[in-house]
Amino acid sequence: MYNRKKFLQLGTAAAGALALSPLSDNFSIGDDTRKLKTFGLQLYTLRDDLPKDPKGVLQQVASFGYRQIESYEGPNGMFWGMSNMDFKKYMDDLGMKIIASHSDINKDFEKKAAEAAAIGMKYLICPWLGPQKTIDDYKKAADTFNKKGEICKSNGIRFAYHNHDYSFKPIDGQLPQDVMMSITDPSLVDYELDMYWVVAAGEDVEGWLKKYKNRFRLCHVKDRSKTAGTNNGQNSVDLGTGSINWPSVLKTAKENGMEYFIVEQEYYPASTPMKSAEANAEYMRRLKI
């Protein structure tokens, strides 16, 4: 259950731990202008814990220092058994905002867009297309994205597509990601760059950010193991312990139109989801770009 006193105590403890932790050049105190003002958490990170106690888990997320969340459609919808208005009120109580949600774009999308807009959300996002057989299949998907973008625009919000590695694997000499980005209307469709999956595909994250300036408006900040195996579902690690140069990558992202920096983790080789979420928040608080 939500306990404001416990919430404040947790926040104080987290701040104390931060003050005592060792800092390197990219994490030194001072020059706060180089720090990210806000960052979020994709709730899929806590997919095993969240359905059991949504309010309790969200309380802990807030205590870690997250001020934004990106939801996803769980067993009780993207508002976790609450109405959209009740969910927003609970977020307000915790000092957080729901800025986006991954959603099933093929079911009740008009209703979802209206509910999202009513509470000030910025995005509805397609989280998964799946590997397609032909380039024409990706072209059809892009046309669908434009239509969903029209629905979102009519409600005053935005539509985006979240990548995995498959859209960076060539088909007939073309990269599906390029094809989709060329066909989608920038006034209707943005992209959420899952940086982990770009690296997993062997691509240069910063190169993509520069190539499509102002098209990637959200990102998933998710580190990849320095000793990655063949199963990419098990190569996700705590931020700062993997192979991705976050100070450089996130600086480039910010310079090229990135607005929302959303932590996500899918695997926990030496921890628990909640402890990793806390460690990742500390990393993001300290990071300077």
C-alpha atoms as a PDB file:
ATOM      1  CA  MET A   1       0.000   0.000   0.000  1.00  0.00           C
ATOM      2  CA  TYR A   2       1.055   3.580  -0.606  1.00  0.00           C
ATOM      3  CA  ASN A   3       2.782   5.072   2.464  1.00  0.00           C
ATOM      4  CA  ARG A   4       3.966   8.660   2.058  1.00  0.00           C
ATOM      5  CA  LYS A   5       6.236   8.546   5.142  1.00  0.00           C
ATOM      6  CA  LYS A   6       7.989   5.421   3.878  1.00  0.00           C
ATOM      7  CA  PHE A   7       8.274   6.984   0.423  1.00  0.00           C
ATOM      8  CA  LEU A   8      10.031  10.059   1.844  1.00  0.00           C
ATOM      9  CA  GLN A   9      12.336   7.912   3.971  1.00  0.00           C
ATOM     10  CA  LEU A  10      13.338   5.846   0.948  1.00  0.00           C
ATOM     11  CA  GLY A  11      14.043   8.989  -1.042  1.00  0.00           C
ATOM     12  CA  THR A  12      16.223  10.396   1.743  1.00  0.00           C
ATOM     13  CA  ALA A  13      18.155   7.143   2.002  1.00  0.00           C
ATOM     14  CA  ALA A  14      18.752   7.075  -1.746  1.00  0.00           C
ATOM     15  CA  ALA A  15      20.044  10.647  -1.663  1.00  0.00           C
ATOM     16  CA  GLY A  16      22.418   9.757   1.172  1.00  0.00           C
ATOM     17  CA  ALA A  17      23.772   6.790  -0.720  1.00  0.00           C
ATOM     18  CA  LEU A  18      24.409   8.999  -3.736  1.00  0.00           C
ATOM     19  CA  ALA A  19      26.313  11.545  -1.660  1.00  0.00           C
ATOM     20  CA  LEU A  20      28.666   8.843  -0.356  1.00  0.00           C
ATOM     21  CA  SER A  21      29.301   7.076  -3.659  1.00  0.00           C
ATOM     22  CA  PRO A  22      32.610   7.493  -5.564  1.00  0.00           C
ATOM     23  CA  LEU A  23      32.392   9.654  -8.668  1.00  0.00           C
ATOM     24  CA  SER A  24      34.445   9.835 -11.836  1.00  0.00           C
ATOM     25  CA  ASP A  25      34.814  12.731 -14.277  1.00  0.00           C
ATOM     26  CA  ASN A  26      31.530  11.926 -15.974  1.00  0.00           C
ATOM     27  CA  PHE A  27      29.747  11.769 -12.631  1.00  0.00           C
ATOM     28  CA  SER A  28      31.360  14.550 -10.596  1.00  0.00           C
ATOM     29  CA  ILE A  29      29.335  16.961  -8.505  1.00  0.00           C
ATOM     30  CA  GLY A  30      28.920  20.416 -10.004  1.00  0.00           C
ATOM     31  CA  ASP A  31      28.178  21.676 -13.519  1.00  0.00           C
ATOM     32  CA  ASP A  32      24.606  20.430 -13.256  1.00  0.00           C
ATOM     33  CA  THR A  33      23.839  21.948 -16.659  1.00  0.00           C
ATOM     34  CA  ARG A  34      25.342  18.809 -18.205  1.00  0.00           C
ATOM     35  CA  LYS A  35      23.045  16.463 -16.318  1.00  0.00           C
ATOM     36  CA  LEU A  36      19.731  15.168 -17.621  1.00  0.00           C
ATOM     37  CA  LYS A  37      16.953  17.051 -15.883  1.00  0.00           C
ATOM     38  CA  THR A  38      14.567  14.111 -15.990  1.00  0.00           C
ATOM     39  CA  PHE A  39      14.638  10.476 -16.992  1.00  0.00           C
ATOM     40  CA  GLY A  40      12.097   7.699 -16.981  1.00  0.00           C
ATOM     41  CA  LEU A  41      11.613   3.985 -16.510  1.00  0.00           C
ATOM     42  CA  GLN A  42       9.928   1.537 -18.842  1.00  0.00           C
ATOM     43  CA  LEU A  43       7.772  -0.489 -16.471  1.00  0.00           C
ATOM     44  CA  TYR A  44       8.476  -3.688 -18.416  1.00  0.00           C
ATOM     45  CA  THR A  45      11.719  -3.677 -16.426  1.00  0.00           C
ATOM     46  CA  LEU A  46       9.596  -4.669 -13.413  1.00  0.00           C
ATOM     47  CA  ARG A  47       7.214  -6.986 -15.259  1.00  0.00           C
ATOM     48  CA  ASP A  48       7.480  -9.763 -12.654  1.00  0.00           C
ATOM     49  CA  ASP A  49       6.774  -7.460  -9.687  1.00  0.00           C
ATOM     50  CA  LEU A  50       4.388  -4.861 -11.072  1.00  0.00           C
ATOM     51  CA  PRO A  51       1.251  -6.991 -11.584  1.00  0.00           C
ATOM     52  CA  LYS A  52       1.413  -8.195  -7.958  1.00  0.00           C
ATOM     53  CA  ASP A  53       1.291  -4.705  -6.411  1.00  0.00           C
ATOM     54  CA  PRO A  54       1.149  -1.869  -8.977  1.00  0.00           C
ATOM     55  CA  LYS A  55       0.844   0.962  -6.458  1.00  0.00           C
ATOM     56  CA  GLY A  56       3.563  -0.370  -4.179  1.00  0.00           C
ATOM     57  CA  VAL A  57       5.966  -0.899  -7.071  1.00  0.00           C
ATOM     58  CA  LEU A  58       5.292   2.572  -8.481  1.00  0.00           C
ATOM     59  CA  GLN A  59       5.954   4.046  -5.042  1.00  0.00           C
ATOM     60  CA  GLN A  60       9.373   2.415  -4.998  1.00  0.00           C
ATOM     61  CA  VAL A  61      10.089   3.591  -8.553  1.00  0.00           C
ATOM     62  CA  ALA A  62       9.423   7.174  -7.457  1.00  0.00           C
ATOM     63  CA  SER A  63      11.683   6.775  -4.414  1.00  0.00           C
ATOM     64  CA  PHE A  64      14.575   5.808  -6.713  1.00  0.00           C
ATOM     65  CA  GLY A  65      14.415   9.208  -8.434  1.00  0.00           C
ATOM     66  CA  TYR A  66      12.457   8.448 -11.589  1.00  0.00           C
ATOM     67  CA  ARG A  67      10.156  11.312 -12.534  1.00  0.00           C
ATOM     68  CA  GLN A  68       8.745   9.831 -15.725  1.00  0.00           C
ATOM     69  CA  ILE A  69       7.385   6.424 -16.572  1.00  0.00           C
ATOM     70  CA  GLU A  70       6.640   4.624 -19.789  1.00  0.00           C
ATOM     71  CA  SER A  71       3.971   1.996 -19.282  1.00  0.00           C
ATOM     72  CA  TYR A  72       3.044  -1.087 -21.286  1.00  0.00           C
ATOM     73  CA  GLU A  73      -0.114  -3.115 -21.599  1.00  0.00           C
ATOM     74  CA  GLY A  74      -0.125  -5.694 -18.858  1.00  0.00           C
ATOM     75  CA  PRO A  75      -2.948  -7.988 -17.755  1.00  0.00           C
ATOM     76  CA  ASN A  76      -4.937  -4.969 -16.482  1.00  0.00           C
ATOM     77  CA  GLY A  77      -4.159  -2.555 -19.308  1.00  0.00           C
ATOM     78  CA  MET A  78      -1.630   0.229 -19.467  1.00  0.00           C
ATOM     79  CA  PHE A  79      -3.092   1.885 -16.343  1.00  0.00           C
ATOM     80  CA  TRP A  80      -2.715  -1.262 -14.224  1.00  0.00           C
ATOM     81  CA  GLY A  81      -6.277  -1.746 -13.058  1.00  0.00           C
ATOM     82  CA  MET A  82      -6.915   1.959 -12.508  1.00  0.00           C
ATOM     83  CA  SER A  83      -8.813   4.354 -14.715  1.00  0.00           C
ATOM     84  CA  ASN A  84      -6.667   6.757 -16.686  1.00  0.00           C
ATOM     85  CA  MET A  85      -7.687   9.590 -14.362  1.00  0.00           C
ATOM     86  CA  ASP A  86      -6.996   7.608 -11.187  1.00  0.00           C
ATOM     87  CA  PHE A  87      -3.637   6.555 -12.562  1.00  0.00           C
ATOM     88  CA  LYS A  88      -2.712  10.169 -13.284  1.00  0.00           C
ATOM     89  CA  LYS A  89      -3.745  11.192  -9.753  1.00  0.00           C
ATOM     90  CA  TYR A  90      -1.552   8.491  -8.273  1.00  0.00           C
ATOM     91  CA  MET A  91       1.346   9.598 -10.463  1.00  0.00           C
ATOM     92  CA  ASP A  92       0.791  13.180  -9.287  1.00  0.00           C
ATOM     93  CA  ASP A  93       0.879  12.020  -5.672  1.00  0.00           C
ATOM     94  CA  LEU A  94       4.234  10.356  -6.309  1.00  0.00           C
ATOM     95  CA  GLY A  95       5.684  13.313  -8.207  1.00  0.00           C
ATOM     96  CA  MET A  96       5.858  11.393 -11.484  1.00  0.00           C
ATOM     97  CA  LYS A  97       4.304  11.636 -14.946  1.00  0.00           C
ATOM     98  CA  ILE A  98       3.308   8.937 -17.396  1.00  0.00           C
ATOM     99  CA  ILE A  99       4.697  10.252 -20.644  1.00  0.00           C
ATOM    100  CA  ALA A 100       4.089   7.257 -22.914  1.00  0.00           C
ATOM    101  CA  SER A 101       2.970   3.670 -23.138  1.00  0.00           C
ATOM    102  CA  HIS A 102       3.675   0.704 -25.341  1.00  0.00           C
ATOM    103  CA  SER A 103       0.334  -0.526 -26.600  1.00  0.00           C
ATOM    104  CA  ASP A 104      -1.433  -3.009 -28.831  1.00  0.00           C
ATOM    105  CA  ILE A 105      -2.093  -0.747 -31.790  1.00  0.00           C
ATOM    106  CA  ASN A 106      -4.520  -3.222 -33.361  1.00  0.00           C
ATOM    107  CA  LYS A 107      -7.115  -3.162 -30.574  1.00  0.00           C
ATOM    108  CA  ASP A 108      -9.252  -0.195 -29.416  1.00  0.00           C
ATOM    109  CA  PHE A 109      -6.585   2.233 -30.546  1.00  0.00           C
ATOM    110  CA  GLU A 110      -8.927   5.212 -30.862  1.00  0.00           C
ATOM    111  CA  LYS A 111     -10.056   4.705 -27.249  1.00  0.00           C
ATOM    112  CA  LYS A 112      -6.485   4.384 -26.044  1.00  0.00           C
ATOM    113  CA  ALA A 113      -5.455   7.569 -27.821  1.00  0.00           C
ATOM    114  CA  ALA A 114      -8.337   9.506 -26.263  1.00  0.00           C
ATOM    115  CA  GLU A 115      -7.592   8.185 -22.772  1.00  0.00           C
ATOM    116  CA  ALA A 116      -3.897   8.950 -23.131  1.00  0.00           C
ATOM    117  CA  ALA A 117      -4.567  12.484 -24.311  1.00  0.00           C
ATOM    118  CA  ALA A 118      -7.000  13.122 -21.451  1.00  0.00           C
ATOM    119  CA  ILE A 119      -4.218  12.722 -18.872  1.00  0.00           C
ATOM    120  CA  GLY A 120      -1.488  14.566 -20.739  1.00  0.00           C
ATOM    121  CA  MET A 121       0.481  11.634 -22.122  1.00  0.00           C
ATOM    122  CA  LYS A 122       2.759  12.461 -25.025  1.00  0.00           C
ATOM    123  CA  TYR A 123       2.987   9.151 -26.923  1.00  0.00           C
ATOM    124  CA  LEU A 124       1.438   5.827 -27.747  1.00  0.00           C
ATOM    125  CA  ILE A 125       4.073   3.452 -29.063  1.00  0.00           C
ATOM    126  CA  CYS A 126       4.060   0.295 -31.152  1.00  0.00           C
ATOM    127  CA  PRO A 127       6.504  -1.944 -29.247  1.00  0.00           C
ATOM    128  CA  TRP A 128       6.817  -4.845 -31.657  1.00  0.00           C
ATOM    129  CA  LEU A 129       6.276  -5.478 -35.343  1.00  0.00           C
ATOM    130  CA  GLY A 130       8.242  -8.663 -35.635  1.00  0.00           C
ATOM    131  CA  PRO A 131      10.607  -9.734 -38.406  1.00  0.00           C
ATOM    132  CA  GLN A 132       8.916  -9.398 -41.789  1.00  0.00           C
ATOM    133  CA  LYS A 133       9.603 -11.522 -44.849  1.00  0.00           C
ATOM    134  CA  THR A 134       9.869  -8.787 -47.455  1.00  0.00           C
ATOM    135  CA  ILE A 135      10.599  -5.086 -47.782  1.00  0.00           C
ATOM    136  CA  ASP A 136       7.034  -4.635 -49.006  1.00  0.00           C
ATOM    137  CA  ASP A 137       5.837  -5.941 -45.661  1.00  0.00           C
ATOM    138  CA  TYR A 138       7.765  -3.180 -43.923  1.00  0.00           C
ATOM    139  CA  LYS A 139       6.325  -0.630 -46.350  1.00  0.00           C
ATOM    140  CA  LYS A 140       2.820  -1.777 -45.418  1.00  0.00           C
ATOM    141  CA  ALA A 141       3.719  -1.465 -41.746  1.00  0.00           C
ATOM    142  CA  ALA A 142       4.908   2.101 -42.366  1.00  0.00           C
ATOM    143  CA  ASP A 143       1.572   2.920 -44.000  1.00  0.00           C
ATOM    144  CA  THR A 144      -0.178   1.549 -40.915  1.00  0.00           C
ATOM    145  CA  PHE A 145       2.022   3.690 -38.686  1.00  0.00           C
ATOM    146  CA  ASN A 146       0.970   6.787 -40.653  1.00  0.00           C
ATOM    147  CA  LYS A 147      -2.688   5.917 -40.059  1.00  0.00           C
ATOM    148  CA  LYS A 148      -2.126   5.420 -36.339  1.00  0.00           C
ATOM    149  CA  GLY A 149      -0.229   8.687 -36.331  1.00  0.00           C
ATOM    150  CA  GLU A 150      -3.279  10.423 -37.772  1.00  0.00           C
ATOM    151  CA  ILE A 151      -5.405   9.084 -34.921  1.00  0.00           C
ATOM    152  CA  CYS A 152      -2.883  10.241 -32.347  1.00  0.00           C
ATOM    153  CA  LYS A 153      -2.533  13.658 -33.965  1.00  0.00           C
ATOM    154  CA  SER A 154      -6.298  14.171 -33.944  1.00  0.00           C
ATOM    155  CA  ASN A 155      -6.167  13.622 -30.183  1.00  0.00           C
ATOM    156  CA  GLY A 156      -3.233  15.958 -29.658  1.00  0.00           C
ATOM    157  CA  ILE A 157      -0.612  13.288 -28.923  1.00  0.00           C
ATOM    158  CA  ARG A 158       2.095  11.517 -30.941  1.00  0.00           C
ATOM    159  CA  PHE A 159       2.669   8.020 -32.302  1.00  0.00           C
ATOM    160  CA  ALA A 160       6.033   6.233 -32.324  1.00  0.00           C
ATOM    161  CA  TYR A 161       7.564   2.890 -33.240  1.00  0.00           C
ATOM    162  CA  HIS A 162      10.052   1.082 -30.987  1.00  0.00           C
ATOM    163  CA  ASN A 163      12.731  -0.977 -32.734  1.00  0.00           C
ATOM    164  CA  HIS A 164      14.377  -4.291 -32.030  1.00  0.00           C
ATOM    165  CA  ASP A 165      17.357  -5.684 -33.927  1.00  0.00           C
ATOM    166  CA  TYR A 166      15.409  -7.168 -36.835  1.00  0.00           C
ATOM    167  CA  SER A 167      14.759  -3.820 -38.537  1.00  0.00           C
ATOM    168  CA  PHE A 168      18.522  -3.327 -38.820  1.00  0.00           C
ATOM    169  CA  LYS A 169      19.072  -6.578 -40.730  1.00  0.00           C
ATOM    170  CA  PRO A 170      19.170  -6.113 -44.521  1.00  0.00           C
ATOM    171  CA  ILE A 171      16.575  -7.518 -46.895  1.00  0.00           C
ATOM    172  CA  ASP A 172      17.366  -7.305 -50.606  1.00  0.00           C
ATOM    173  CA  GLY A 173      20.122  -4.804 -49.872  1.00  0.00           C
ATOM    174  CA  GLN A 174      17.920  -2.483 -47.829  1.00  0.00           C
ATOM    175  CA  LEU A 175      17.602  -1.923 -44.104  1.00  0.00           C
ATOM    176  CA  PRO A 176      13.945  -2.080 -43.045  1.00  0.00           C
ATOM    177  CA  GLN A 177      14.546   0.729 -40.540  1.00  0.00           C
ATOM    178  CA  ASP A 178      15.593   3.048 -43.378  1.00  0.00           C
ATOM    179  CA  VAL A 179      12.570   2.009 -45.439  1.00  0.00           C
ATOM    180  CA  MET A 180      10.095   2.642 -42.630  1.00  0.00           C
ATOM    181  CA  MET A 181      11.627   5.983 -41.766  1.00  0.00           C
ATOM    182  CA  SER A 182      11.509   7.122 -45.386  1.00  0.00           C
ATOM    183  CA  ILE A 183       7.830   6.219 -45.791  1.00  0.00           C
ATOM    184  CA  THR A 184       6.457   7.442 -42.479  1.00  0.00           C
ATOM    185  CA  ASP A 185       5.382  11.081 -42.343  1.00  0.00           C
ATOM    186  CA  PRO A 186       7.536  13.020 -39.838  1.00  0.00           C
ATOM    187  CA  SER A 187       4.491  15.089 -38.910  1.00  0.00           C
ATOM    188  CA  LEU A 188       2.719  11.903 -37.818  1.00  0.00           C
ATOM    189  CA  VAL A 189       5.308   9.339 -36.735  1.00  0.00           C
ATOM    190  CA  ASP A 190       8.316   9.536 -34.441  1.00  0.00           C
ATOM    191  CA  TYR A 191      10.649   6.734 -33.365  1.00  0.00           C
ATOM    192  CA  GLU A 192      11.794   5.355 -30.050  1.00  0.00           C
ATOM    193  CA  LEU A 193      15.384   4.210 -30.434  1.00  0.00           C
ATOM    194  CA  ASP A 194      16.146   1.143 -28.343  1.00  0.00           C
ATOM    195  CA  MET A 195      19.883   1.637 -28.267  1.00  0.00           C
ATOM    196  CA  TYR A 196      20.613  -1.828 -26.921  1.00  0.00           C
ATOM    197  CA  TRP A 197      19.024  -3.482 -29.945  1.00  0.00           C
ATOM    198  CA  VAL A 198      20.891  -1.203 -32.361  1.00  0.00           C
ATOM    199  CA  VAL A 199      24.178  -2.291 -30.794  1.00  0.00           C
ATOM    200  CA  ALA A 200      23.038  -5.928 -30.779  1.00  0.00           C
ATOM    201  CA  ALA A 201      22.474  -5.630 -34.536  1.00  0.00           C
ATOM    202  CA  GLY A 202      26.058  -4.413 -34.995  1.00  0.00           C
ATOM    203  CA  GLU A 203      25.036  -0.859 -35.899  1.00  0.00           C
ATOM    204  CA  ASP A 204      26.399   2.517 -34.774  1.00  0.00           C
ATOM    205  CA  VAL A 205      23.876   4.219 -32.476  1.00  0.00           C
ATOM    206  CA  GLU A 206      25.364   7.683 -32.845  1.00  0.00           C
ATOM    207  CA  GLY A 207      25.421   7.319 -36.610  1.00  0.00           C
ATOM    208  CA  TRP A 208      21.691   6.643 -36.681  1.00  0.00           C
ATOM    209  CA  LEU A 209      20.954   9.561 -34.373  1.00  0.00           C
ATOM    210  CA  LYS A 210      22.843  11.913 -36.675  1.00  0.00           C
ATOM    211  CA  LYS A 211      21.388  10.434 -39.858  1.00  0.00           C
ATOM    212  CA  TYR A 212      17.818  10.984 -38.703  1.00  0.00           C
ATOM    213  CA  LYS A 213      18.057  14.147 -36.669  1.00  0.00           C
ATOM    214  CA  ASN A 214      14.797  14.948 -34.840  1.00  0.00           C
ATOM    215  CA  ARG A 215      13.127  11.646 -35.778  1.00  0.00           C
ATOM    216  CA  PHE A 216      14.181   9.755 -32.652  1.00  0.00           C
ATOM    217  CA  ARG A 217      12.349  11.550 -29.847  1.00  0.00           C
ATOM    218  CA  LEU A 218      12.403   8.804 -27.210  1.00  0.00           C
ATOM    219  CA  CYS A 219      15.048   6.229 -26.401  1.00  0.00           C
ATOM    220  CA  HIS A 220      15.573   3.159 -24.287  1.00  0.00           C
ATOM    221  CA  VAL A 221      18.734   3.442 -22.234  1.00  0.00           C
ATOM    222  CA  LYS A 222      19.684  -0.202 -21.786  1.00  0.00           C
ATOM    223  CA  ASP A 223      23.253  -1.467 -21.436  1.00  0.00           C
ATOM    224  CA  ARG A 224      24.702  -4.546 -23.150  1.00  0.00           C
ATOM    225  CA  SER A 225      27.147  -6.970 -21.562  1.00  0.00           C
ATOM    226  CA  LYS A 226      30.821  -6.640 -22.392  1.00  0.00           C
ATOM    227  CA  THR A 227      30.864 -10.423 -22.796  1.00  0.00           C
ATOM    228  CA  ALA A 228      27.626 -10.751 -24.732  1.00  0.00           C
ATOM    229  CA  GLY A 229      26.531 -14.221 -25.732  1.00  0.00           C
ATOM    230  CA  THR A 230      24.422 -15.317 -28.671  1.00  0.00           C
ATOM    231  CA  ASN A 231      21.130 -14.936 -26.769  1.00  0.00           C
ATOM    232  CA  ASN A 232      20.463 -11.200 -26.815  1.00  0.00           C
ATOM    233  CA  GLY A 233      17.567 -11.677 -24.448  1.00  0.00           C
ATOM    234  CA  GLN A 234      20.169 -12.367 -21.764  1.00  0.00           C
ATOM    235  CA  ASN A 235      22.773  -9.701 -22.517  1.00  0.00           C
ATOM    236  CA  SER A 236      21.084  -6.792 -20.741  1.00  0.00           C
ATOM    237  CA  VAL A 237      23.010  -5.523 -17.679  1.00  0.00           C
ATOM    238  CA  ASP A 238      22.945  -2.640 -15.190  1.00  0.00           C
ATOM    239  CA  LEU A 239      23.838   0.748 -16.676  1.00  0.00           C
ATOM    240  CA  GLY A 240      27.529   1.548 -16.577  1.00  0.00           C
ATOM    241  CA  THR A 241      28.609  -2.082 -16.341  1.00  0.00           C
ATOM    242  CA  GLY A 242      28.218  -2.887 -20.032  1.00  0.00           C
ATOM    243  CA  SER A 243      29.791  -1.948 -23.344  1.00  0.00           C
ATOM    244  CA  ILE A 244      27.845   1.163 -24.380  1.00  0.00           C
ATOM    245  CA  ASN A 245      29.525   4.566 -23.958  1.00  0.00           C
ATOM    246  CA  TRP A 246      26.567   6.382 -22.424  1.00  0.00           C
ATOM    247  CA  PRO A 247      28.145   9.817 -21.900  1.00  0.00           C
ATOM    248  CA  SER A 248      28.937   9.991 -25.614  1.00  0.00           C
ATOM    249  CA  VAL A 249      25.775   8.311 -26.908  1.00  0.00           C
ATOM    250  CA  LEU A 250      23.340  10.323 -24.803  1.00  0.00           C
ATOM    251  CA  LYS A 251      25.147  13.584 -25.573  1.00  0.00           C
ATOM    252  CA  THR A 252      24.748  12.855 -29.282  1.00  0.00           C
ATOM    253  CA  ALA A 253      21.120  11.914 -28.709  1.00  0.00           C
ATOM    254  CA  LYS A 254      20.372  15.184 -26.937  1.00  0.00           C
ATOM    255  CA  GLU A 255      22.097  17.169 -29.684  1.00  0.00           C
ATOM    256  CA  ASN A 256      19.951  15.488 -32.332  1.00  0.00           C
ATOM    257  CA  GLY A 257      16.488  16.003 -30.899  1.00  0.00           C
ATOM    258  CA  MET A 258      16.072  13.343 -28.208  1.00  0.00           C
ATOM    259  CA  GLU A 259      13.498  14.402 -25.628  1.00  0.00           C
ATOM    260  CA  TYR A 260      12.790  11.379 -23.439  1.00  0.00           C
ATOM    261  CA  PHE A 261      15.437   9.149 -21.885  1.00  0.00           C
ATOM    262  CA  ILE A 262      13.828   5.960 -20.609  1.00  0.00           C
ATOM    263  CA  VAL A 263      15.699   3.288 -18.690  1.00  0.00           C
ATOM    264  CA  GLU A 264      14.878  -0.327 -19.478  1.00  0.00           C
ATOM    265  CA  GLN A 265      16.450  -3.605 -18.447  1.00  0.00           C
ATOM    266  CA  GLU A 266      15.378  -7.097 -19.456  1.00  0.00           C
ATOM    267  CA  TYR A 267      17.822  -9.401 -17.692  1.00  0.00           C
ATOM    268  CA  TYR A 268      19.398  -9.378 -14.234  1.00  0.00           C
ATOM    269  CA  PRO A 269      22.408 -11.713 -14.095  1.00  0.00           C
ATOM    270  CA  ALA A 270      23.632 -10.597 -10.671  1.00  0.00           C
ATOM    271  CA  SER A 271      20.713  -8.749  -9.116  1.00  0.00           C
ATOM    272  CA  THR A 272      16.920  -8.391  -8.960  1.00  0.00           C
ATOM    273  CA  PRO A 273      14.723  -6.204 -11.177  1.00  0.00           C
ATOM    274  CA  MET A 274      14.026  -3.754  -8.353  1.00  0.00           C
ATOM    275  CA  LYS A 275      17.674  -3.458  -7.300  1.00  0.00           C
ATOM    276  CA  SER A 276      18.703  -2.946 -10.919  1.00  0.00           C
ATOM    277  CA  ALA A 277      16.067  -0.248 -11.364  1.00  0.00           C
ATOM    278  CA  GLU A 278      17.478   1.523  -8.309  1.00  0.00           C
ATOM    279  CA  ALA A 279      21.098   1.185  -9.496  1.00  0.00           C
ATOM    280  CA  ASN A 280      20.145   2.458 -12.956  1.00  0.00           C
ATOM    281  CA  ALA A 281      18.420   5.501 -11.477  1.00  0.00           C
ATOM    282  CA  GLU A 282      21.554   6.336  -9.507  1.00  0.00           C
ATOM    283  CA  TYR A 283      23.636   6.029 -12.670  1.00  0.00           C
ATOM    284  CA  MET A 284      21.311   8.365 -14.560  1.00  0.00           C
ATOM    285  CA  ARG A 285      21.266  10.929 -11.744  1.00  0.00           C
ATOM    286  CA  ARG A 286      25.045  11.107 -11.672  1.00  0.00           C
ATOM    287  CA  LEU A 287      25.691  11.011 -15.409  1.00  0.00           C
ATOM    288  CA  LYS A 288      26.843  14.163 -17.171  1.00  0.00           C
ATOM    289  CA  ILE A 289      26.563  14.499 -20.929  1.00  0.00           C
END
